Full PDB file with SEQRES, HELIX, SHEET, SSBOND, CRYST1, ORIGX, SCALE, CONECT and MASTER records, all heavy atoms in Angstrom:
SEQRES   1 A   39  MET HIS ILE ARG SER SER LEU VAL VAL SER ASN ASN ALA          
SEQRES   2 A   39  VAL ALA VAL HIS GLN ASP ARG LEU HIS ALA LEU THR ARG          
SEQRES   3 A   39  SER GLY HIS VAL PRO ALA PHE TYR ASP LEU ASP ARG ILE          
HELIX    1 AA1 HIS A    2  LEU A   24  1                                  23    
HELIX    2 AA2 PHE A   33  ARG A   38  1                                   6    
CRYST1    1.000    1.000    1.000  90.00  90.00  90.00 P 1           1          
ORIGX1      1.000000  0.000000  0.000000        0.00000                         
ORIGX2      0.000000  1.000000  0.000000        0.00000                         
ORIGX3      0.000000  0.000000  1.000000        0.00000                         
SCALE1      1.000000  0.000000  0.000000        0.00000                         
SCALE2      0.000000  1.000000  0.000000        0.00000                         
SCALE3      0.000000  0.000000  1.000000        0.00000                         
ATOM      1  N   MET A   1      44.526  22.130 -26.842  1.00  0.00           N  
ATOM      2  CA  MET A   1      43.703  21.284 -27.651  1.00  0.00           C  
ATOM      3  C   MET A   1      44.025  19.823 -27.561  1.00  0.00           C  
ATOM      4  O   MET A   1      43.122  18.980 -27.523  1.00  0.00           O  
ATOM      5  CB  MET A   1      43.915  21.720 -29.114  1.00  0.00           C  
ATOM      6  CG  MET A   1      42.674  21.834 -29.993  1.00  0.00           C  
ATOM      7  SD  MET A   1      41.156  22.286 -29.109  1.00  0.00           S  
ATOM      8  CE  MET A   1      40.212  22.368 -30.577  1.00  0.00           C  
ATOM      9  N   HIS A   2      45.321  19.529 -27.264  1.00  0.00           N  
ATOM     10  CA  HIS A   2      45.726  18.200 -27.167  1.00  0.00           C  
ATOM     11  C   HIS A   2      45.173  17.576 -25.843  1.00  0.00           C  
ATOM     12  O   HIS A   2      44.780  16.397 -25.816  1.00  0.00           O  
ATOM     13  CB  HIS A   2      47.269  18.051 -27.200  1.00  0.00           C  
ATOM     14  CG  HIS A   2      47.855  16.678 -27.062  1.00  0.00           C  
ATOM     15  ND1 HIS A   2      47.649  15.704 -28.093  1.00  0.00           N  
ATOM     16  CD2 HIS A   2      48.473  16.069 -25.993  1.00  0.00           C  
ATOM     17  CE1 HIS A   2      48.185  14.578 -27.650  1.00  0.00           C  
ATOM     18  NE2 HIS A   2      48.658  14.777 -26.411  1.00  0.00           N  
ATOM     19  N   ILE A   3      45.181  18.319 -24.755  1.00  0.00           N  
ATOM     20  CA  ILE A   3      44.653  17.902 -23.522  1.00  0.00           C  
ATOM     21  C   ILE A   3      43.170  17.570 -23.626  1.00  0.00           C  
ATOM     22  O   ILE A   3      42.735  16.561 -23.133  1.00  0.00           O  
ATOM     23  CB  ILE A   3      44.928  18.928 -22.415  1.00  0.00           C  
ATOM     24  CG1 ILE A   3      46.482  18.986 -22.142  1.00  0.00           C  
ATOM     25  CG2 ILE A   3      44.221  18.600 -21.113  1.00  0.00           C  
ATOM     26  CD1 ILE A   3      46.844  20.173 -21.275  1.00  0.00           C  
ATOM     27  N   ARG A   4      42.427  18.473 -24.231  1.00  0.00           N  
ATOM     28  CA  ARG A   4      41.010  18.269 -24.391  1.00  0.00           C  
ATOM     29  C   ARG A   4      40.710  16.993 -25.239  1.00  0.00           C  
ATOM     30  O   ARG A   4      39.841  16.212 -24.839  1.00  0.00           O  
ATOM     31  CB  ARG A   4      40.461  19.462 -25.101  1.00  0.00           C  
ATOM     32  CG  ARG A   4      38.873  19.337 -25.220  1.00  0.00           C  
ATOM     33  CD  ARG A   4      38.279  20.550 -25.994  1.00  0.00           C  
ATOM     34  NE  ARG A   4      36.894  20.550 -26.124  1.00  0.00           N  
ATOM     35  CZ  ARG A   4      36.198  19.746 -26.912  1.00  0.00           C  
ATOM     36  NH1 ARG A   4      36.866  18.972 -27.740  1.00  0.00           N  
ATOM     37  NH2 ARG A   4      34.868  19.742 -26.965  1.00  0.00           N  
ATOM     38  N   SER A   5      41.492  16.796 -26.280  1.00  0.00           N  
ATOM     39  CA  SER A   5      41.244  15.579 -27.098  1.00  0.00           C  
ATOM     40  C   SER A   5      41.583  14.284 -26.386  1.00  0.00           C  
ATOM     41  O   SER A   5      40.935  13.282 -26.492  1.00  0.00           O  
ATOM     42  CB  SER A   5      42.006  15.657 -28.424  1.00  0.00           C  
ATOM     43  OG  SER A   5      43.443  15.713 -28.199  1.00  0.00           O  
ATOM     44  N   SER A   6      42.609  14.431 -25.496  1.00  0.00           N  
ATOM     45  CA  SER A   6      43.021  13.261 -24.631  1.00  0.00           C  
ATOM     46  C   SER A   6      41.763  12.894 -23.761  1.00  0.00           C  
ATOM     47  O   SER A   6      41.508  11.737 -23.493  1.00  0.00           O  
ATOM     48  CB  SER A   6      44.253  13.579 -24.017  1.00  0.00           C  
ATOM     49  OG  SER A   6      44.499  12.509 -22.982  1.00  0.00           O  
ATOM     50  N   LEU A   7      41.276  13.883 -23.136  1.00  0.00           N  
ATOM     51  CA  LEU A   7      40.172  13.699 -22.198  1.00  0.00           C  
ATOM     52  C   LEU A   7      38.956  13.127 -22.894  1.00  0.00           C  
ATOM     53  O   LEU A   7      38.209  12.270 -22.447  1.00  0.00           O  
ATOM     54  CB  LEU A   7      39.783  14.990 -21.468  1.00  0.00           C  
ATOM     55  CG  LEU A   7      40.768  15.443 -20.398  1.00  0.00           C  
ATOM     56  CD1 LEU A   7      40.320  16.826 -19.869  1.00  0.00           C  
ATOM     57  CD2 LEU A   7      40.897  14.425 -19.375  1.00  0.00           C  
ATOM     58  N   VAL A   8      38.692  13.645 -24.074  1.00  0.00           N  
ATOM     59  CA  VAL A   8      37.497  13.158 -24.827  1.00  0.00           C  
ATOM     60  C   VAL A   8      37.683  11.648 -25.261  1.00  0.00           C  
ATOM     61  O   VAL A   8      36.799  10.909 -25.166  1.00  0.00           O  
ATOM     62  CB  VAL A   8      37.315  14.108 -26.127  1.00  0.00           C  
ATOM     63  CG1 VAL A   8      36.336  13.423 -27.116  1.00  0.00           C  
ATOM     64  CG2 VAL A   8      36.785  15.430 -25.733  1.00  0.00           C  
ATOM     65  N   VAL A   9      38.846  11.311 -25.761  1.00  0.00           N  
ATOM     66  CA  VAL A   9      39.176   9.940 -26.111  1.00  0.00           C  
ATOM     67  C   VAL A   9      39.021   8.948 -24.953  1.00  0.00           C  
ATOM     68  O   VAL A   9      38.387   7.972 -25.042  1.00  0.00           O  
ATOM     69  CB  VAL A   9      40.542   9.861 -26.723  1.00  0.00           C  
ATOM     70  CG1 VAL A   9      40.986   8.436 -26.854  1.00  0.00           C  
ATOM     71  CG2 VAL A   9      40.622  10.482 -28.056  1.00  0.00           C  
ATOM     72  N   SER A  10      39.609   9.367 -23.782  1.00  0.00           N  
ATOM     73  CA  SER A  10      39.492   8.486 -22.583  1.00  0.00           C  
ATOM     74  C   SER A  10      38.081   8.374 -22.076  1.00  0.00           C  
ATOM     75  O   SER A  10      37.606   7.325 -21.724  1.00  0.00           O  
ATOM     76  CB  SER A  10      40.444   8.873 -21.524  1.00  0.00           C  
ATOM     77  OG  SER A  10      40.023  10.184 -20.996  1.00  0.00           O  
ATOM     78  N   ASN A  11      37.366   9.536 -22.155  1.00  0.00           N  
ATOM     79  CA  ASN A  11      35.961   9.493 -21.717  1.00  0.00           C  
ATOM     80  C   ASN A  11      35.080   8.585 -22.623  1.00  0.00           C  
ATOM     81  O   ASN A  11      34.208   7.858 -22.161  1.00  0.00           O  
ATOM     82  CB  ASN A  11      35.347  10.888 -21.719  1.00  0.00           C  
ATOM     83  CG  ASN A  11      33.940  10.951 -21.104  1.00  0.00           C  
ATOM     84  OD1 ASN A  11      33.689  10.236 -20.120  1.00  0.00           O  
ATOM     85  ND2 ASN A  11      33.174  11.814 -21.588  1.00  0.00           N  
ATOM     86  N   ASN A  12      35.349   8.723 -24.002  1.00  0.00           N  
ATOM     87  CA  ASN A  12      34.598   7.835 -24.886  1.00  0.00           C  
ATOM     88  C   ASN A  12      34.924   6.383 -24.758  1.00  0.00           C  
ATOM     89  O   ASN A  12      34.071   5.530 -24.844  1.00  0.00           O  
ATOM     90  CB  ASN A  12      34.881   8.336 -26.357  1.00  0.00           C  
ATOM     91  CG  ASN A  12      34.244   9.648 -26.719  1.00  0.00           C  
ATOM     92  OD1 ASN A  12      33.225   9.968 -25.957  1.00  0.00           O  
ATOM     93  ND2 ASN A  12      34.704  10.259 -27.742  1.00  0.00           N  
ATOM     94  N   ALA A  13      36.147   6.066 -24.437  1.00  0.00           N  
ATOM     95  CA  ALA A  13      36.535   4.687 -24.230  1.00  0.00           C  
ATOM     96  C   ALA A  13      35.815   4.111 -22.993  1.00  0.00           C  
ATOM     97  O   ALA A  13      35.324   2.960 -23.103  1.00  0.00           O  
ATOM     98  CB  ALA A  13      38.115   4.546 -24.091  1.00  0.00           C  
ATOM     99  N   VAL A  14      35.772   4.858 -21.971  1.00  0.00           N  
ATOM    100  CA  VAL A  14      35.058   4.403 -20.755  1.00  0.00           C  
ATOM    101  C   VAL A  14      33.595   4.168 -21.051  1.00  0.00           C  
ATOM    102  O   VAL A  14      33.017   3.136 -20.724  1.00  0.00           O  
ATOM    103  CB  VAL A  14      35.263   5.415 -19.580  1.00  0.00           C  
ATOM    104  CG1 VAL A  14      34.280   5.117 -18.475  1.00  0.00           C  
ATOM    105  CG2 VAL A  14      36.729   5.432 -19.063  1.00  0.00           C  
ATOM    106  N   ALA A  15      32.984   5.116 -21.763  1.00  0.00           N  
ATOM    107  CA  ALA A  15      31.569   5.086 -22.073  1.00  0.00           C  
ATOM    108  C   ALA A  15      31.265   3.858 -22.911  1.00  0.00           C  
ATOM    109  O   ALA A  15      30.259   3.112 -22.743  1.00  0.00           O  
ATOM    110  CB  ALA A  15      31.095   6.339 -22.792  1.00  0.00           C  
ATOM    111  N   VAL A  16      32.111   3.536 -23.935  1.00  0.00           N  
ATOM    112  CA  VAL A  16      31.831   2.385 -24.832  1.00  0.00           C  
ATOM    113  C   VAL A  16      31.907   1.066 -24.075  1.00  0.00           C  
ATOM    114  O   VAL A  16      31.073   0.265 -24.189  1.00  0.00           O  
ATOM    115  CB  VAL A  16      32.878   2.501 -25.972  1.00  0.00           C  
ATOM    116  CG1 VAL A  16      32.945   1.087 -26.670  1.00  0.00           C  
ATOM    117  CG2 VAL A  16      32.549   3.556 -26.940  1.00  0.00           C  
ATOM    118  N   HIS A  17      32.936   0.983 -23.251  1.00  0.00           N  
ATOM    119  CA  HIS A  17      33.106  -0.306 -22.442  1.00  0.00           C  
ATOM    120  C   HIS A  17      32.026  -0.376 -21.458  1.00  0.00           C  
ATOM    121  O   HIS A  17      31.510  -1.568 -21.197  1.00  0.00           O  
ATOM    122  CB  HIS A  17      34.456  -0.294 -21.765  1.00  0.00           C  
ATOM    123  CG  HIS A  17      35.635  -0.416 -22.744  1.00  0.00           C  
ATOM    124  ND1 HIS A  17      35.768  -1.475 -23.641  1.00  0.00           N  
ATOM    125  CD2 HIS A  17      36.662   0.382 -22.956  1.00  0.00           C  
ATOM    126  CE1 HIS A  17      36.837  -1.312 -24.376  1.00  0.00           C  
ATOM    127  NE2 HIS A  17      37.395  -0.183 -23.985  1.00  0.00           N  
ATOM    128  N   GLN A  18      31.611   0.648 -20.833  1.00  0.00           N  
ATOM    129  CA  GLN A  18      30.502   0.652 -19.951  1.00  0.00           C  
ATOM    130  C   GLN A  18      29.228   0.259 -20.521  1.00  0.00           C  
ATOM    131  O   GLN A  18      28.478  -0.607 -19.984  1.00  0.00           O  
ATOM    132  CB  GLN A  18      30.320   2.015 -19.192  1.00  0.00           C  
ATOM    133  CG  GLN A  18      29.770   2.011 -17.881  1.00  0.00           C  
ATOM    134  CD  GLN A  18      29.925   3.341 -17.199  1.00  0.00           C  
ATOM    135  OE1 GLN A  18      30.043   4.352 -17.843  1.00  0.00           O  
ATOM    136  NE2 GLN A  18      29.957   3.366 -15.885  1.00  0.00           N  
ATOM    137  N   ASP A  19      28.892   0.829 -21.735  1.00  0.00           N  
ATOM    138  CA  ASP A  19      27.652   0.421 -22.443  1.00  0.00           C  
ATOM    139  C   ASP A  19      27.672  -0.963 -22.853  1.00  0.00           C  
ATOM    140  O   ASP A  19      26.643  -1.717 -22.753  1.00  0.00           O  
ATOM    141  CB  ASP A  19      27.552   1.392 -23.695  1.00  0.00           C  
ATOM    142  CG  ASP A  19      27.171   2.769 -23.319  1.00  0.00           C  
ATOM    143  OD1 ASP A  19      26.736   3.068 -22.219  1.00  0.00           O  
ATOM    144  OD2 ASP A  19      27.282   3.645 -24.277  1.00  0.00           O  
ATOM    145  N   ARG A  20      28.811  -1.470 -23.309  1.00  0.00           N  
ATOM    146  CA  ARG A  20      28.907  -2.903 -23.735  1.00  0.00           C  
ATOM    147  C   ARG A  20      28.649  -3.835 -22.483  1.00  0.00           C  
ATOM    148  O   ARG A  20      27.945  -4.869 -22.627  1.00  0.00           O  
ATOM    149  CB  ARG A  20      30.273  -3.180 -24.307  1.00  0.00           C  
ATOM    150  CG  ARG A  20      30.424  -4.631 -24.866  1.00  0.00           C  
ATOM    151  CD  ARG A  20      31.786  -4.879 -25.538  1.00  0.00           C  
ATOM    152  NE  ARG A  20      32.049  -3.919 -26.591  1.00  0.00           N  
ATOM    153  CZ  ARG A  20      33.155  -3.428 -26.831  1.00  0.00           C  
ATOM    154  NH1 ARG A  20      34.286  -3.779 -26.178  1.00  0.00           N  
ATOM    155  NH2 ARG A  20      33.359  -2.590 -27.862  1.00  0.00           N  
ATOM    156  N   LEU A  21      29.244  -3.482 -21.361  1.00  0.00           N  
ATOM    157  CA  LEU A  21      29.106  -4.321 -20.155  1.00  0.00           C  
ATOM    158  C   LEU A  21      27.660  -4.283 -19.711  1.00  0.00           C  
ATOM    159  O   LEU A  21      27.054  -5.324 -19.330  1.00  0.00           O  
ATOM    160  CB  LEU A  21      30.027  -3.815 -19.094  1.00  0.00           C  
ATOM    161  CG  LEU A  21      30.138  -4.690 -17.841  1.00  0.00           C  
ATOM    162  CD1 LEU A  21      30.693  -6.108 -18.251  1.00  0.00           C  
ATOM    163  CD2 LEU A  21      31.073  -4.109 -16.812  1.00  0.00           C  
ATOM    164  N   HIS A  22      27.017  -3.114 -19.782  1.00  0.00           N  
ATOM    165  CA  HIS A  22      25.580  -3.059 -19.333  1.00  0.00           C  
ATOM    166  C   HIS A  22      24.702  -3.758 -20.310  1.00  0.00           C  
ATOM    167  O   HIS A  22      23.681  -4.414 -19.835  1.00  0.00           O  
ATOM    168  CB  HIS A  22      25.124  -1.580 -19.269  1.00  0.00           C  
ATOM    169  CG  HIS A  22      25.628  -0.817 -17.996  1.00  0.00           C  
ATOM    170  ND1 HIS A  22      25.164  -1.112 -16.797  1.00  0.00           N  
ATOM    171  CD2 HIS A  22      26.634   0.101 -17.875  1.00  0.00           C  
ATOM    172  CE1 HIS A  22      25.799  -0.373 -15.914  1.00  0.00           C  
ATOM    173  NE2 HIS A  22      26.675   0.410 -16.529  1.00  0.00           N  
ATOM    174  N   ALA A  23      25.033  -3.772 -21.616  1.00  0.00           N  
ATOM    175  CA  ALA A  23      24.230  -4.524 -22.494  1.00  0.00           C  
ATOM    176  C   ALA A  23      24.331  -6.010 -22.312  1.00  0.00           C  
ATOM    177  O   ALA A  23      23.349  -6.753 -22.468  1.00  0.00           O  
ATOM    178  CB  ALA A  23      24.658  -4.203 -24.018  1.00  0.00           C  
ATOM    179  N   LEU A  24      25.553  -6.536 -21.934  1.00  0.00           N  
ATOM    180  CA  LEU A  24      25.755  -7.948 -21.709  1.00  0.00           C  
ATOM    181  C   LEU A  24      25.207  -8.404 -20.404  1.00  0.00           C  
ATOM    182  O   LEU A  24      24.922  -9.536 -20.177  1.00  0.00           O  
ATOM    183  CB  LEU A  24      27.272  -8.254 -21.798  1.00  0.00           C  
ATOM    184  CG  LEU A  24      27.920  -8.165 -23.100  1.00  0.00           C  
ATOM    185  CD1 LEU A  24      29.437  -8.285 -22.998  1.00  0.00           C  
ATOM    186  CD2 LEU A  24      27.352  -9.229 -24.084  1.00  0.00           C  
ATOM    187  N   THR A  25      24.974  -7.439 -19.452  1.00  0.00           N  
ATOM    188  CA  THR A  25      24.482  -7.817 -18.072  1.00  0.00           C  
ATOM    189  C   THR A  25      23.155  -7.223 -17.765  1.00  0.00           C  
ATOM    190  O   THR A  25      22.855  -7.084 -16.572  1.00  0.00           O  
ATOM    191  CB  THR A  25      25.548  -7.471 -17.025  1.00  0.00           C  
ATOM    192  OG1 THR A  25      25.792  -6.107 -17.049  1.00  0.00           O  
ATOM    193  CG2 THR A  25      26.829  -8.183 -17.215  1.00  0.00           C  
ATOM    194  N   ARG A  26      22.374  -6.848 -18.696  1.00  0.00           N  
ATOM    195  CA  ARG A  26      21.049  -6.232 -18.466  1.00  0.00           C  
ATOM    196  C   ARG A  26      20.160  -7.149 -17.741  1.00  0.00           C  
ATOM    197  O   ARG A  26      20.330  -8.345 -17.806  1.00  0.00           O  
ATOM    198  CB  ARG A  26      20.460  -5.742 -19.797  1.00  0.00           C  
ATOM    199  CG  ARG A  26      20.083  -6.812 -20.724  1.00  0.00           C  
ATOM    200  CD  ARG A  26      19.601  -6.270 -22.059  1.00  0.00           C  
ATOM    201  NE  ARG A  26      19.156  -7.390 -22.965  1.00  0.00           N  
ATOM    202  CZ  ARG A  26      20.018  -7.927 -23.893  1.00  0.00           C  
ATOM    203  NH1 ARG A  26      21.256  -7.547 -23.897  1.00  0.00           N  
ATOM    204  NH2 ARG A  26      19.623  -8.881 -24.623  1.00  0.00           N  
ATOM    205  N   SER A  27      19.212  -6.530 -17.057  1.00  0.00           N  
ATOM    206  CA  SER A  27      18.351  -7.406 -16.204  1.00  0.00           C  
ATOM    207  C   SER A  27      17.388  -8.192 -17.084  1.00  0.00           C  
ATOM    208  O   SER A  27      17.022  -7.685 -18.172  1.00  0.00           O  
ATOM    209  CB  SER A  27      17.538  -6.566 -15.277  1.00  0.00           C  
ATOM    210  OG  SER A  27      16.758  -5.621 -15.982  1.00  0.00           O  
ATOM    211  N   GLY A  28      17.070  -9.356 -16.699  1.00  0.00           N  
ATOM    212  CA  GLY A  28      16.115 -10.183 -17.436  1.00  0.00           C  
ATOM    213  C   GLY A  28      16.828 -10.965 -18.544  1.00  0.00           C  
ATOM    214  O   GLY A  28      16.246 -11.761 -19.270  1.00  0.00           O  
ATOM    215  N   HIS A  29      18.145 -10.784 -18.713  1.00  0.00           N  
ATOM    216  CA  HIS A  29      18.855 -11.495 -19.775  1.00  0.00           C  
ATOM    217  C   HIS A  29      19.810 -12.477 -19.158  1.00  0.00           C  
ATOM    218  O   HIS A  29      20.573 -12.123 -18.251  1.00  0.00           O  
ATOM    219  CB  HIS A  29      19.690 -10.407 -20.595  1.00  0.00           C  
ATOM    220  CG  HIS A  29      20.626 -11.070 -21.563  1.00  0.00           C  
ATOM    221  ND1 HIS A  29      20.207 -11.636 -22.766  1.00  0.00           N  
ATOM    222  CD2 HIS A  29      21.949 -11.185 -21.543  1.00  0.00           C  
ATOM    223  CE1 HIS A  29      21.263 -12.059 -23.358  1.00  0.00           C  
ATOM    224  NE2 HIS A  29      22.391 -11.823 -22.728  1.00  0.00           N  
ATOM    225  N   VAL A  30      19.677 -13.683 -19.615  1.00  0.00           N  
ATOM    226  CA  VAL A  30      20.592 -14.728 -19.103  1.00  0.00           C  
ATOM    227  C   VAL A  30      21.652 -14.875 -20.123  1.00  0.00           C  
ATOM    228  O   VAL A  30      21.444 -15.242 -21.308  1.00  0.00           O  
ATOM    229  CB  VAL A  30      19.810 -16.112 -18.906  1.00  0.00           C  
ATOM    230  CG1 VAL A  30      20.799 -17.177 -18.475  1.00  0.00           C  
ATOM    231  CG2 VAL A  30      18.672 -15.926 -17.976  1.00  0.00           C  
ATOM    232  N   PRO A  31      22.850 -14.628 -19.718  1.00  0.00           N  
ATOM    233  CA  PRO A  31      23.964 -14.693 -20.695  1.00  0.00           C  
ATOM    234  C   PRO A  31      24.265 -16.131 -21.128  1.00  0.00           C  
ATOM    235  O   PRO A  31      24.160 -17.022 -20.342  1.00  0.00           O  
ATOM    236  CB  PRO A  31      25.171 -14.100 -19.968  1.00  0.00           C  
ATOM    237  CG  PRO A  31      24.910 -14.144 -18.578  1.00  0.00           C  
ATOM    238  CD  PRO A  31      23.401 -14.211 -18.431  1.00  0.00           C  
ATOM    239  N   ALA A  32      24.598 -16.268 -22.356  1.00  0.00           N  
ATOM    240  CA  ALA A  32      25.042 -17.550 -22.855  1.00  0.00           C  
ATOM    241  C   ALA A  32      26.465 -17.866 -22.431  1.00  0.00           C  
ATOM    242  O   ALA A  32      27.154 -17.046 -21.964  1.00  0.00           O  
ATOM    243  CB  ALA A  32      24.892 -17.525 -24.388  1.00  0.00           C  
ATOM    244  N   PHE A  33      26.846 -19.081 -22.712  1.00  0.00           N  
ATOM    245  CA  PHE A  33      28.219 -19.513 -22.274  1.00  0.00           C  
ATOM    246  C   PHE A  33      29.273 -18.674 -22.932  1.00  0.00           C  
ATOM    247  O   PHE A  33      30.272 -18.234 -22.269  1.00  0.00           O  
ATOM    248  CB  PHE A  33      28.419 -21.031 -22.586  1.00  0.00           C  
ATOM    249  CG  PHE A  33      29.712 -21.511 -22.219  1.00  0.00           C  
ATOM    250  CD1 PHE A  33      30.076 -21.652 -20.867  1.00  0.00           C  
ATOM    251  CD2 PHE A  33      30.741 -21.735 -23.171  1.00  0.00           C  
ATOM    252  CE1 PHE A  33      31.319 -22.124 -20.530  1.00  0.00           C  
ATOM    253  CE2 PHE A  33      32.004 -22.105 -22.766  1.00  0.00           C  
ATOM    254  CZ  PHE A  33      32.367 -22.371 -21.459  1.00  0.00           C  
ATOM    255  N   TYR A  34      29.183 -18.390 -24.201  1.00  0.00           N  
ATOM    256  CA  TYR A  34      30.119 -17.619 -24.941  1.00  0.00           C  
ATOM    257  C   TYR A  34      30.116 -16.120 -24.477  1.00  0.00           C  
ATOM    258  O   TYR A  34      31.112 -15.418 -24.677  1.00  0.00           O  
ATOM    259  CB  TYR A  34      30.008 -17.651 -26.476  1.00  0.00           C  
ATOM    260  CG  TYR A  34      28.640 -17.181 -26.942  1.00  0.00           C  
ATOM    261  CD1 TYR A  34      28.477 -15.853 -27.342  1.00  0.00           C  
ATOM    262  CD2 TYR A  34      27.578 -18.082 -27.155  1.00  0.00           C  
ATOM    263  CE1 TYR A  34      27.203 -15.469 -27.761  1.00  0.00           C  
ATOM    264  CE2 TYR A  34      26.318 -17.656 -27.614  1.00  0.00           C  
ATOM    265  CZ  TYR A  34      26.100 -16.338 -27.930  1.00  0.00           C  
ATOM    266  OH  TYR A  34      24.963 -15.919 -28.379  1.00  0.00           O  
ATOM    267  N   ASP A  35      29.019 -15.645 -23.879  1.00  0.00           N  
ATOM    268  CA  ASP A  35      28.900 -14.259 -23.434  1.00  0.00           C  
ATOM    269  C   ASP A  35      29.738 -14.083 -22.148  1.00  0.00           C  
ATOM    270  O   ASP A  35      30.159 -12.919 -21.792  1.00  0.00           O  
ATOM    271  CB  ASP A  35      27.464 -13.943 -23.010  1.00  0.00           C  
ATOM    272  CG  ASP A  35      26.617 -13.633 -24.282  1.00  0.00           C  
ATOM    273  OD1 ASP A  35      27.223 -13.298 -25.317  1.00  0.00           O  
ATOM    274  OD2 ASP A  35      25.357 -13.673 -24.219  1.00  0.00           O  
ATOM    275  N   LEU A  36      30.066 -15.144 -21.423  1.00  0.00           N  
ATOM    276  CA  LEU A  36      30.808 -15.033 -20.228  1.00  0.00           C  
ATOM    277  C   LEU A  36      32.279 -14.386 -20.531  1.00  0.00           C  
ATOM    278  O   LEU A  36      32.816 -13.534 -19.831  1.00  0.00           O  
ATOM    279  CB  LEU A  36      30.919 -16.325 -19.450  1.00  0.00           C  
ATOM    280  CG  LEU A  36      29.617 -16.860 -18.955  1.00  0.00           C  
ATOM    281  CD1 LEU A  36      29.803 -18.228 -18.238  1.00  0.00           C  
ATOM    282  CD2 LEU A  36      28.964 -15.859 -18.017  1.00  0.00           C  
ATOM    283  N   ASP A  37      32.883 -14.904 -21.573  1.00  0.00           N  
ATOM    284  CA  ASP A  37      34.192 -14.353 -21.949  1.00  0.00           C  
ATOM    285  C   ASP A  37      34.097 -12.896 -22.471  1.00  0.00           C  
ATOM    286  O   ASP A  37      34.916 -12.086 -22.060  1.00  0.00           O  
ATOM    287  CB  ASP A  37      34.715 -15.171 -23.182  1.00  0.00           C  
ATOM    288  CG  ASP A  37      35.277 -16.569 -22.685  1.00  0.00           C  
ATOM    289  OD1 ASP A  37      35.573 -16.706 -21.447  1.00  0.00           O  
ATOM    290  OD2 ASP A  37      35.362 -17.433 -23.575  1.00  0.00           O  
ATOM    291  N   ARG A  38      33.002 -12.551 -23.072  1.00  0.00           N  
ATOM    292  CA  ARG A  38      32.749 -11.187 -23.577  1.00  0.00           C  
ATOM    293  C   ARG A  38      32.600 -10.228 -22.278  1.00  0.00           C  
ATOM    294  O   ARG A  38      33.076  -9.163 -22.322  1.00  0.00           O  
ATOM    295  CB  ARG A  38      31.625 -11.058 -24.498  1.00  0.00           C  
ATOM    296  CG  ARG A  38      31.987 -11.671 -25.845  1.00  0.00           C  
ATOM    297  CD  ARG A  38      30.763 -11.799 -26.788  1.00  0.00           C  
ATOM    298  NE  ARG A  38      30.085 -10.529 -26.975  1.00  0.00           N  
ATOM    299  CZ  ARG A  38      28.987 -10.382 -27.546  1.00  0.00           C  
ATOM    300  NH1 ARG A  38      28.252 -11.406 -27.971  1.00  0.00           N  
ATOM    301  NH2 ARG A  38      28.421  -9.159 -27.639  1.00  0.00           N  
ATOM    302  N   ILE A  39      31.865 -10.774 -21.346  1.00  0.00           N  
ATOM    303  CA  ILE A  39      31.575  -9.999 -20.114  1.00  0.00           C  
ATOM    304  C   ILE A  39      32.907  -9.762 -19.371  1.00  0.00           C  
ATOM    305  O   ILE A  39      33.181  -8.612 -18.920  1.00  0.00           O  
ATOM    306  CB  ILE A  39      30.505 -10.652 -19.170  1.00  0.00           C  
ATOM    307  CG1 ILE A  39      29.144 -10.644 -19.855  1.00  0.00           C  
ATOM    308  CG2 ILE A  39      30.483 -10.091 -17.852  1.00  0.00           C  
ATOM    309  CD1 ILE A  39      28.114 -11.519 -19.171  1.00  0.00           C  
TER     310      ILE A  39                                                      
MASTER        0    0    0    2    0    0    0    6  309    1    0    3          
END                                                                             
């Protein structure tokens, strides 16, 4: 059970960071100056 929970946590962390990065770099969106640090 511990192994499974470890995989779920790491998979969720990757998905969250990936979604955030895609949201900040979506097409048609020009990032603001403060968005560069977030990206």
